[in-house]
Protein backbone atom coordinates (compact mmCIF):
# COMPACT_ATOMS: atom_id res chain seq x y z
CA MET A 1 -0.03 -0.02 0.03
CA GLN A 2 1.53 3.32 -1.02
CA ILE A 3 1.38 5.94 1.74
CA ALA A 4 -0.08 9.10 0.29
CA THR A 5 2.34 11.39 2.03
CA SER A 6 5.24 10.19 -0.16
CA THR A 7 6.32 7.37 -2.47
CA VAL A 8 6.98 5.16 0.54
CA GLU A 9 5.64 1.68 0.22
CA LYS A 10 4.34 -0.01 3.36
CA LYS A 11 2.67 -3.36 3.57
CA ILE A 12 -0.60 -3.10 5.58
CA ALA A 13 -2.50 -6.01 6.91
CA ILE A 14 -5.60 -6.55 9.05
CA GLY A 15 -5.85 -9.47 11.54
CA LEU A 16 -9.26 -10.93 12.33
CA ILE A 17 -10.37 -13.96 14.35
CA GLY A 18 -13.90 -15.40 14.40
CA TYR A 19 -16.03 -18.33 15.28
CA GLU A 20 -19.37 -19.09 13.52
CA SER A 21 -19.14 -15.56 12.11
CA ILE A 22 -20.74 -15.91 8.68
CA ARG A 23 -23.40 -13.28 9.29
CA GLU A 24 -20.91 -10.55 10.16
CA ILE A 25 -18.05 -11.11 7.67
CA ALA A 26 -19.16 -9.10 4.56
CA ARG A 27 -20.20 -6.11 6.71
CA CYS A 28 -16.99 -6.26 8.68
CA LEU A 29 -14.47 -6.64 5.85
CA ASP A 30 -15.98 -5.21 2.61
CA SER A 31 -15.03 -1.57 3.37
CA TRP A 32 -11.33 -2.48 3.96
CA VAL A 33 -11.00 -3.71 0.41
CA GLY A 34 -8.80 -1.42 -1.71
CA HIS A 35 -7.16 0.09 1.33
CA ILE A 36 -5.03 -2.75 2.66
CA ASP A 37 -2.73 -5.33 1.16
CA THR A 38 -3.42 -8.42 3.30
CA MET A 39 -6.12 -10.09 5.34
CA ILE A 40 -5.02 -12.61 7.96
CA LEU A 41 -8.11 -14.52 9.17
CA GLY A 42 -8.20 -17.05 11.97
CA ASP A 43 -10.96 -19.44 12.92
CA GLY A 44 -11.46 -21.40 16.12
CA LYS A 45 -13.18 -21.54 19.54
CA PHE A 46 -11.78 -19.76 22.60
CA ASP A 47 -11.23 -21.60 25.84
CA PHE A 48 -14.35 -21.28 28.13
CA TYR A 49 -16.69 -20.75 25.11
CA PHE A 50 -19.59 -23.25 24.99
CA GLY A 51 -19.29 -24.46 21.43
CA GLU A 52 -19.85 -28.00 20.20
CA ASN A 53 -16.98 -27.87 17.78
CA ASP A 54 -13.46 -26.49 17.97
CA TYR A 55 -13.89 -24.92 14.54
CA SER A 56 -16.75 -23.13 12.76
CA GLN A 57 -19.29 -25.19 10.88
CA ASP A 58 -20.90 -22.19 9.04
CA GLY A 59 -18.06 -21.90 6.50
CA TRP A 60 -17.20 -18.20 7.22
CA LEU A 61 -13.47 -18.67 6.71
CA GLU A 62 -13.99 -20.26 3.26
CA PHE A 63 -16.53 -17.64 2.37
CA ALA A 64 -14.11 -14.80 3.24
CA GLU A 65 -11.24 -16.40 1.37
CA LYS A 66 -13.36 -16.76 -1.80
CA ARG A 67 -14.85 -13.30 -1.50
CA TYR A 68 -11.54 -11.44 -1.05
CA GLN A 69 -8.74 -13.56 -2.59
CA ASP A 70 -8.85 -11.69 -5.94
CA LYS A 71 -8.88 -8.31 -4.20
CA CYS A 72 -6.02 -8.65 -1.80
CA GLU A 73 -3.70 -11.29 -0.27
CA VAL A 74 -5.69 -13.56 2.01
CA VAL A 75 -4.06 -15.92 4.52
CA THR A 76 -6.20 -18.16 6.74
CA TYR A 77 -5.41 -20.36 9.74
CA LYS A 78 -7.24 -22.38 12.39
CA TYR A 79 -6.57 -22.44 16.15
CA ALA A 80 -8.82 -23.43 19.06
CA GLY A 81 -7.66 -22.50 22.55
CA LYS A 82 -6.46 -19.43 24.44
CA GLN A 83 -7.51 -16.09 23.11
CA GLN A 84 -4.01 -14.60 23.30
CA GLU A 85 -2.50 -17.60 21.45
CA LYS A 86 -5.06 -17.39 18.74
CA ARG A 87 -4.44 -13.66 18.31
CA GLN A 88 -0.67 -14.17 18.41
CA LYS A 89 -0.87 -16.21 15.25
CA TYR A 90 -1.92 -13.25 13.16
CA LEU A 91 1.01 -11.21 14.58
CA ASP A 92 3.40 -14.05 13.69
CA ILE A 93 1.97 -14.53 10.21
CA ALA A 94 2.15 -10.78 9.55
CA GLY A 95 5.81 -10.99 10.47
CA GLU A 96 6.37 -13.95 8.05
CA LEU A 97 4.65 -11.93 5.27
CA LYS A 98 6.93 -8.89 6.06
CA CYS A 99 3.97 -6.66 6.93
CA ASP A 100 4.95 -3.30 8.22
CA TYR A 101 1.65 -2.76 10.07
CA LEU A 102 -1.19 -4.87 11.29
CA ILE A 103 -4.58 -3.51 12.31
CA THR A 104 -6.66 -5.74 14.54
CA VAL A 105 -10.35 -6.24 13.63
CA ASP A 106 -13.20 -8.04 15.45
CA THR A 107 -16.11 -9.56 13.57
CA GLU A 108 -18.79 -7.28 15.20
CA GLU A 109 -16.87 -4.24 13.99
CA TYR A 110 -17.07 -2.33 10.70
CA LEU A 111 -15.72 0.96 9.41
CA HIS A 112 -17.86 3.94 10.34
CA PRO A 113 -19.33 5.38 7.13
CA ASP A 114 -18.74 8.97 8.18
CA TYR A 115 -15.00 8.44 8.89
CA GLN A 116 -13.17 6.87 6.00
CA ASP A 117 -10.60 9.42 5.06
CA TRP A 118 -7.81 7.08 4.05
CA ASN A 119 -5.39 9.80 2.97
CA LYS A 120 -5.61 11.39 6.44
CA PHE A 121 -5.32 7.98 8.12
CA TYR A 122 -2.23 6.88 6.31
CA LYS A 123 -0.46 10.25 6.53
CA GLN A 124 -1.01 10.30 10.30
CA LEU A 125 0.06 6.67 10.63
CA TYR A 126 3.27 7.32 8.72
CA HIS A 127 4.21 10.54 10.52
CA LEU A 128 3.35 9.30 13.95
CA SER A 129 5.15 5.97 13.61
CA GLU A 130 8.21 7.48 11.89
CA GLY A 131 8.45 10.34 14.40
CA SER A 132 8.51 8.23 17.59
CA ASN A 133 9.55 4.85 18.90
CA ASP A 134 6.01 3.79 19.53
CA ARG A 135 4.94 0.34 18.16
CA ILE A 136 1.28 0.48 19.12
CA PHE A 137 -1.24 3.17 18.12
CA TYR A 138 -4.86 3.96 19.10
CA GLN A 139 -7.76 4.02 16.67
CA TRP A 140 -11.12 5.61 17.48
CA VAL A 141 -13.96 3.14 18.07
CA TRP A 142 -17.69 4.10 18.62
CA ILE A 143 -19.38 2.39 21.53
CA PRO A 144 -23.08 2.28 20.84
CA ASP A 145 -25.85 1.50 23.36
CA GLU A 146 -26.62 -1.99 24.54
CA THR A 147 -29.42 -2.49 22.08
CA LEU A 148 -26.76 -2.63 19.35
CA TRP A 149 -23.82 -3.82 21.34
CA PRO A 150 -24.50 -5.89 24.49
CA LYS A 151 -21.43 -5.22 26.60
CA GLN A 152 -20.81 -8.76 27.83
CA GLY A 153 -18.96 -7.53 30.93
CA ASN A 154 -17.34 -4.49 29.40
CA LYS A 155 -17.55 -1.32 31.46
CA PHE A 156 -17.29 1.07 28.53
CA PRO A 157 -19.80 3.97 28.66
CA SER A 158 -22.34 3.95 25.72
CA ASN A 159 -22.65 6.42 22.89
CA GLN A 160 -19.20 7.84 22.83
CA TRP A 161 -15.86 7.44 21.09
CA LEU A 162 -13.21 5.30 22.76
CA ARG A 163 -9.51 4.98 21.93
CA SER A 164 -8.55 1.35 21.33
CA MET A 165 -5.01 -0.05 20.75
CA LYS A 166 -5.54 -1.60 17.35
CA ILE A 167 -2.53 -0.65 15.17
CA HIS A 168 0.68 -2.54 15.43
CA LYS A 169 4.00 -1.49 13.87
CA ASP A 170 6.40 -4.35 12.91
CA PRO A 171 3.86 -6.91 14.25
CA GLY A 172 6.16 -9.95 13.75
CA THR A 173 8.53 -8.81 16.47
CA MET A 174 5.97 -8.57 19.23
CA ARG A 175 3.85 -10.91 21.30
CA TYR A 176 0.74 -10.84 23.50
CA CYS A 177 2.01 -10.95 27.04
CA TYR A 178 1.17 -10.93 30.72
CA ASP A 179 -1.76 -13.34 30.00
CA SER A 180 -3.72 -10.41 28.60
CA HIS A 181 -5.38 -9.68 25.27
CA PHE A 182 -4.44 -6.02 25.42
CA CYS A 183 -0.69 -6.20 26.45
CA TRP A 184 2.23 -6.50 24.10
CA CYS A 185 6.01 -6.73 24.48
CA PRO A 186 9.10 -7.74 22.46
CA LYS A 187 9.29 -11.40 21.85
CA ASP A 188 12.54 -11.73 23.93
CA VAL A 189 10.86 -10.25 27.09
CA GLU A 190 9.57 -12.64 29.82
CA ASP A 191 6.31 -12.08 31.59
CA ASP A 192 8.08 -12.29 34.93
CA GLN A 193 10.17 -9.26 33.93
CA ILE A 194 7.00 -7.26 33.35
CA ALA A 195 5.53 -8.41 36.65
CA LYS A 196 8.71 -7.70 38.63
CA TRP A 197 8.82 -4.13 37.34
CA GLN A 198 5.12 -3.69 38.27
CA LEU A 199 5.73 -4.96 41.75
CA GLU A 200 8.83 -2.87 42.34
CA ALA A 201 7.40 0.37 40.89
CA THR A 202 6.58 2.98 43.48
CA SER A 203 3.12 4.57 43.74
CA ASP A 204 4.53 7.79 42.21
CA MET A 205 5.69 5.81 39.17
CA ILE A 206 2.45 3.96 38.42
CA GLY A 207 0.61 5.90 35.73
CA GLN A 208 3.48 8.29 35.24
CA VAL A 209 6.31 6.07 34.06
CA ASP A 210 5.86 3.41 31.31
CA ASN A 211 6.82 -0.16 32.07
CA PRO A 212 9.92 -0.40 29.89
CA TYR A 213 9.20 -4.02 28.98
CA LEU A 214 5.81 -3.25 27.39
CA PHE A 215 4.76 -1.63 24.07
CA LEU A 216 2.30 1.06 24.98
CA ALA A 217 0.25 3.45 22.86
CA HIS A 218 0.54 7.19 23.17
CA SER A 219 -0.90 8.57 19.94
CA THR A 220 -4.16 8.09 18.03
CA VAL A 221 -4.34 7.68 14.26
CA ASP A 222 -7.47 9.43 12.98
CA GLY A 223 -9.16 9.56 9.63
CA VAL A 224 -10.65 6.05 9.65
CA ARG A 225 -12.75 5.10 12.61
CA VAL A 226 -14.61 1.93 13.68
CA THR A 227 -18.07 1.27 15.04
CA MET A 228 -19.52 -1.92 16.57
CA ASP A 229 -22.87 -3.77 16.35
CA ARG A 230 -23.79 -7.27 17.61
CA THR A 231 -27.34 -7.35 16.22
CA LEU A 232 -26.37 -9.90 13.52
CA ARG A 233 -25.58 -12.42 16.22
CA THR A 234 -28.17 -14.91 17.47
CA LYS A 235 -29.53 -14.82 20.97
CA GLU A 236 -27.59 -18.00 21.70
CA GLN A 237 -24.36 -16.40 20.46
CA ILE A 238 -24.91 -13.36 22.66
CA GLU A 239 -25.53 -15.54 25.70
CA LYS A 240 -22.55 -17.71 25.02
CA GLY A 241 -20.40 -14.69 24.40
CA THR A 242 -21.41 -13.12 27.67
CA HIS A 243 -20.57 -16.26 29.59
CA TRP A 244 -17.23 -16.55 27.83
CA ALA A 245 -16.35 -12.87 28.39
CA LEU A 246 -16.88 -13.17 32.16
CA GLN A 247 -14.95 -16.44 32.40
CA ASN A 248 -12.04 -14.84 30.38
CA MET A 249 -12.07 -11.74 32.58
CA HIS A 250 -11.74 -13.81 35.76
CA GLU A 251 -9.02 -15.96 34.18
CA GLU A 252 -6.90 -13.00 33.18
CA LYS A 253 -7.24 -11.50 36.63
CA ALA A 254 -6.34 -14.78 38.28
CA LYS A 255 -3.27 -15.23 36.18
CA GLU A 256 -2.08 -11.68 36.96
CA MET A 257 -2.47 -12.44 40.67
CA TYR A 258 -0.77 -15.86 40.55
CA ARG A 259 2.17 -14.42 38.54
CA GLY A 260 2.57 -11.64 41.09
CA LEU A 261 2.57 -14.14 43.93
CA ASP A 262 5.33 -16.15 42.20
CA VAL A 263 7.51 -13.15 41.36
CA SER A 264 7.18 -11.85 44.95
CA GLU A 265 8.17 -15.44 46.10
CA THR A 266 5.04 -15.89 48.19
CA PRO A 267 5.02 -19.48 49.45
CA ILE A 268 2.38 -21.77 48.08
CA THR A 269 -0.20 -23.45 50.35
CA VAL A 270 0.24 -26.83 52.00
CA GLU A 271 -2.65 -28.12 49.94
CA MET A 272 -0.95 -27.06 46.73
CA LYS A 273 2.23 -28.82 47.78
CA SER A 274 0.27 -32.01 48.52
CA LEU A 275 -1.01 -31.91 44.89
CA GLY A 276 2.58 -31.71 43.54
CA MET A 277 2.46 -28.04 42.74
CA LYS A 278 5.62 -25.93 42.88
CA LYS A 279 4.35 -22.38 42.09
CA TRP A 280 1.11 -20.41 42.05
CA MET A 281 0.81 -20.45 38.27
CA ASP A 282 0.53 -24.29 38.49
CA LEU A 283 -3.13 -23.64 39.54
CA ILE A 284 -3.83 -22.60 35.89
CA ASP A 285 -2.88 -26.06 34.63
CA GLN A 286 -5.74 -27.70 36.53
CA PRO A 287 -9.11 -27.90 34.68
CA HIS A 288 -11.28 -25.25 36.12
CA TYR A 289 -14.08 -22.59 35.63
CA TYR A 290 -15.37 -19.57 37.46
CA ASP A 291 -18.67 -19.30 39.21
CA GLU A 292 -21.03 -16.31 38.98
CA ASN A 293 -19.07 -14.65 41.85
CA GLY A 294 -15.75 -15.10 40.10
CA MET A 295 -14.58 -17.86 42.42
CA ARG A 296 -12.34 -20.45 40.77
CA LYS A 297 -13.70 -23.99 40.81
CA ILE A 298 -11.70 -27.14 40.03
CA ILE A 299 -13.30 -29.61 37.53
CA THR A 300 -12.93 -33.00 39.18
CA SER A 301 -14.37 -35.21 36.48
């Protein structure tokens, strides 16, 4: 894709993951055509999601490949499991394809019809990314009311614009980290390094000094904005999505807590020792779920 500000050529990709998403795909992806070089599309069920099959049966991935393969480069993959690992694959593939930027897209999203100034978008992206060391950039996303977008545990206020970290520079050199779907770091950084800095940071530092091990966004690229709408999903999909979102939220919080306990060298319990565990993070390896109060429950059979 040629950046309008100069003759500079940059390869731009979008990364999207879905599951039984056939109703949303055309609305989501059609308006990107002609403005990007590559679509990286991944199918598969997340952990904690109540789906009968690991992979979609509605054919959305094949539909998308056929619909867009003569319009841009399309690469597909399948992965069922942890959300971060499924998303990591589109970062890795973008690196293998030598993409300069990857923009993350979710299937309930589509480009806002009143904000599609591609010249402005790519000029800002080029100048902001070349003029700083930042690797992550915000994009504006419209949060509608719950009749259009049931929040599924999100605390975002309705009917306003929200900045979301969606644009990744040099995506192949970064990874999802800290057991979170909105944290990224260089591939050679360990999660324990991130946790140790967080634990040792003083109260004056938190919120004022960036964790040096993380890629953080500071600037917003405008011109092209996103809106969201879940009305094309079935009632069953909404219910399953809400259940999954709450389970995933509790899981991410639990992992953050367990990792902090390990990094601070907090001794494990006698019960954990009797079960052969050596560290707090070993709790995650046991089959489990979270009840309506967020309490972790072991699956015994």
